[in-house]
Amino acid sequence: MMKAAIELDIESEFKKALLGIEKLPSSSKFGVFLAYKYYWLLLRKINQVPAQRMLKERIRIPNSQKLSLMINRYLQSKIEVARPFRIFGF
């Protein structure tokens, strides 16, 4: 139960952070949003792992997925999609 409560608290913080990212100057958005997406993916993965397993092994995002995330985010920033921050349905 404690793990779920912590995860919900972190998700709430992510939602607040997203609002702040949207207000950043465009020169900063790429890197900050890339880090945001990485840690969001990591949180999603942690959500799926039982607490006992987390104590025994490292939870990580594979390098190939990190590279894919970076390339996709780069292309998205270049294409200038009208609203690239649609993660939570805002």
C-alpha atoms as a PDB file:
ATOM      1  CA  MET A   1       0.000   0.000   0.000  1.00  0.00           C
ATOM      2  CA  MET A   2       2.797   2.433   0.835  1.00  0.00           C
ATOM      3  CA  LYS A   3       4.343   2.013  -2.631  1.00  0.00           C
ATOM      4  CA  ALA A   4       1.050   2.905  -4.332  1.00  0.00           C
ATOM      5  CA  ALA A   5       0.639   6.033  -2.206  1.00  0.00           C
ATOM      6  CA  ILE A   6       4.155   7.192  -3.057  1.00  0.00           C
ATOM      7  CA  GLU A   7       3.558   6.549  -6.763  1.00  0.00           C
ATOM      8  CA  LEU A   8       0.335   8.599  -6.689  1.00  0.00           C
ATOM      9  CA  ASP A   9       2.171  11.454  -4.993  1.00  0.00           C
ATOM     10  CA  ILE A  10       4.897  11.359  -7.623  1.00  0.00           C
ATOM     11  CA  GLU A  11       2.304  11.322 -10.435  1.00  0.00           C
ATOM     12  CA  SER A  12       0.727  14.424  -8.917  1.00  0.00           C
ATOM     13  CA  GLU A  13       4.113  16.134  -8.950  1.00  0.00           C
ATOM     14  CA  PHE A  14       4.607  15.148 -12.593  1.00  0.00           C
ATOM     15  CA  LYS A  15       1.312  16.783 -13.529  1.00  0.00           C
ATOM     16  CA  LYS A  16       2.354  20.002 -11.798  1.00  0.00           C
ATOM     17  CA  ALA A  17       5.773  19.895 -13.446  1.00  0.00           C
ATOM     18  CA  LEU A  18       4.215  19.573 -16.882  1.00  0.00           C
ATOM     19  CA  LEU A  19       2.445  22.896 -16.416  1.00  0.00           C
ATOM     20  CA  GLY A  20       5.784  24.484 -15.579  1.00  0.00           C
ATOM     21  CA  ILE A  21       7.521  22.944 -18.573  1.00  0.00           C
ATOM     22  CA  GLU A  22       4.946  24.454 -20.913  1.00  0.00           C
ATOM     23  CA  LYS A  23       5.906  27.907 -19.599  1.00  0.00           C
ATOM     24  CA  LEU A  24       9.642  27.489 -20.208  1.00  0.00           C
ATOM     25  CA  PRO A  25      11.371  29.344 -23.033  1.00  0.00           C
ATOM     26  CA  SER A  26      11.599  27.232 -26.168  1.00  0.00           C
ATOM     27  CA  SER A  27      15.388  27.080 -25.807  1.00  0.00           C
ATOM     28  CA  SER A  28      14.953  25.078 -22.587  1.00  0.00           C
ATOM     29  CA  LYS A  29      11.938  22.915 -23.369  1.00  0.00           C
ATOM     30  CA  PHE A  30      13.727  20.205 -25.357  1.00  0.00           C
ATOM     31  CA  GLY A  31      16.112  19.092 -22.636  1.00  0.00           C
ATOM     32  CA  VAL A  32      13.738  19.545 -19.734  1.00  0.00           C
ATOM     33  CA  PHE A  33      10.893  17.727 -21.462  1.00  0.00           C
ATOM     34  CA  LEU A  34      13.237  14.932 -22.545  1.00  0.00           C
ATOM     35  CA  ALA A  35      14.260  14.391 -18.913  1.00  0.00           C
ATOM     36  CA  TYR A  36      10.600  14.596 -17.892  1.00  0.00           C
ATOM     37  CA  LYS A  37       9.598  11.905 -20.393  1.00  0.00           C
ATOM     38  CA  TYR A  38      12.474   9.665 -19.303  1.00  0.00           C
ATOM     39  CA  TYR A  39      11.504   9.826 -15.651  1.00  0.00           C
ATOM     40  CA  TRP A  40       7.835   9.423 -16.551  1.00  0.00           C
ATOM     41  CA  LEU A  41       8.688   6.179 -18.379  1.00  0.00           C
ATOM     42  CA  LEU A  42      10.748   5.053 -15.419  1.00  0.00           C
ATOM     43  CA  LEU A  43       7.831   5.721 -13.073  1.00  0.00           C
ATOM     44  CA  ARG A  44       5.495   3.732 -15.342  1.00  0.00           C
ATOM     45  CA  LYS A  45       7.941   0.837 -15.194  1.00  0.00           C
ATOM     46  CA  ILE A  46       8.266   1.113 -11.415  1.00  0.00           C
ATOM     47  CA  ASN A  47       4.459   1.019 -11.150  1.00  0.00           C
ATOM     48  CA  GLN A  48       4.516  -2.454 -12.687  1.00  0.00           C
ATOM     49  CA  VAL A  49       7.210  -3.879 -10.417  1.00  0.00           C
ATOM     50  CA  PRO A  50       6.403  -5.290  -6.967  1.00  0.00           C
ATOM     51  CA  ALA A  51       8.112  -3.488  -4.069  1.00  0.00           C
ATOM     52  CA  GLN A  52      10.049  -6.615  -3.035  1.00  0.00           C
ATOM     53  CA  ARG A  53      11.556  -6.951  -6.503  1.00  0.00           C
ATOM     54  CA  MET A  54      12.596  -3.295  -6.452  1.00  0.00           C
ATOM     55  CA  LEU A  55      14.642  -3.961  -3.338  1.00  0.00           C
ATOM     56  CA  LYS A  56      16.569  -6.718  -5.109  1.00  0.00           C
ATOM     57  CA  GLU A  57      17.192  -5.372  -8.586  1.00  0.00           C
ATOM     58  CA  ARG A  58      17.753  -2.197 -10.491  1.00  0.00           C
ATOM     59  CA  ILE A  59      14.795  -0.877 -12.464  1.00  0.00           C
ATOM     60  CA  ARG A  60      15.904   0.857 -15.624  1.00  0.00           C
ATOM     61  CA  ILE A  61      14.919   1.954 -19.107  1.00  0.00           C
ATOM     62  CA  PRO A  62      16.854   0.084 -21.825  1.00  0.00           C
ATOM     63  CA  ASN A  63      19.341   2.155 -23.821  1.00  0.00           C
ATOM     64  CA  SER A  64      17.435   1.476 -27.045  1.00  0.00           C
ATOM     65  CA  GLN A  65      14.286   2.950 -25.529  1.00  0.00           C
ATOM     66  CA  LYS A  66      16.230   5.980 -24.280  1.00  0.00           C
ATOM     67  CA  LEU A  67      17.619   6.554 -27.778  1.00  0.00           C
ATOM     68  CA  SER A  68      14.169   6.167 -29.312  1.00  0.00           C
ATOM     69  CA  LEU A  69      12.762   8.658 -26.813  1.00  0.00           C
ATOM     70  CA  MET A  70      15.477  11.174 -27.639  1.00  0.00           C
ATOM     71  CA  ILE A  71      15.027  10.841 -31.405  1.00  0.00           C
ATOM     72  CA  ASN A  72      11.236  11.065 -31.179  1.00  0.00           C
ATOM     73  CA  ARG A  73      11.409  14.117 -28.941  1.00  0.00           C
ATOM     74  CA  TYR A  74      13.931  15.775 -31.246  1.00  0.00           C
ATOM     75  CA  LEU A  75      11.756  15.189 -34.300  1.00  0.00           C
ATOM     76  CA  GLN A  76       8.695  16.360 -32.428  1.00  0.00           C
ATOM     77  CA  SER A  77      10.439  19.591 -31.464  1.00  0.00           C
ATOM     78  CA  LYS A  78      11.492  20.192 -35.070  1.00  0.00           C
ATOM     79  CA  ILE A  79       8.065  19.528 -36.509  1.00  0.00           C
ATOM     80  CA  GLU A  80       6.518  21.849 -33.916  1.00  0.00           C
ATOM     81  CA  VAL A  81       3.454  19.788 -33.220  1.00  0.00           C
ATOM     82  CA  ALA A  82       0.669  22.102 -32.067  1.00  0.00           C
ATOM     83  CA  ARG A  83       0.605  20.692 -28.513  1.00  0.00           C
ATOM     84  CA  PRO A  84       3.463  18.217 -27.815  1.00  0.00           C
ATOM     85  CA  PHE A  85       2.701  17.899 -24.095  1.00  0.00           C
ATOM     86  CA  ARG A  86      -0.357  15.660 -24.294  1.00  0.00           C
ATOM     87  CA  ILE A  87       0.558  13.054 -21.733  1.00  0.00           C
ATOM     88  CA  PHE A  88      -2.227  13.360 -19.194  1.00  0.00           C
ATOM     89  CA  GLY A  89      -4.976  14.336 -21.599  1.00  0.00           C
ATOM     90  CA  PHE A  90      -4.687  18.089 -20.964  1.00  0.00           C
END
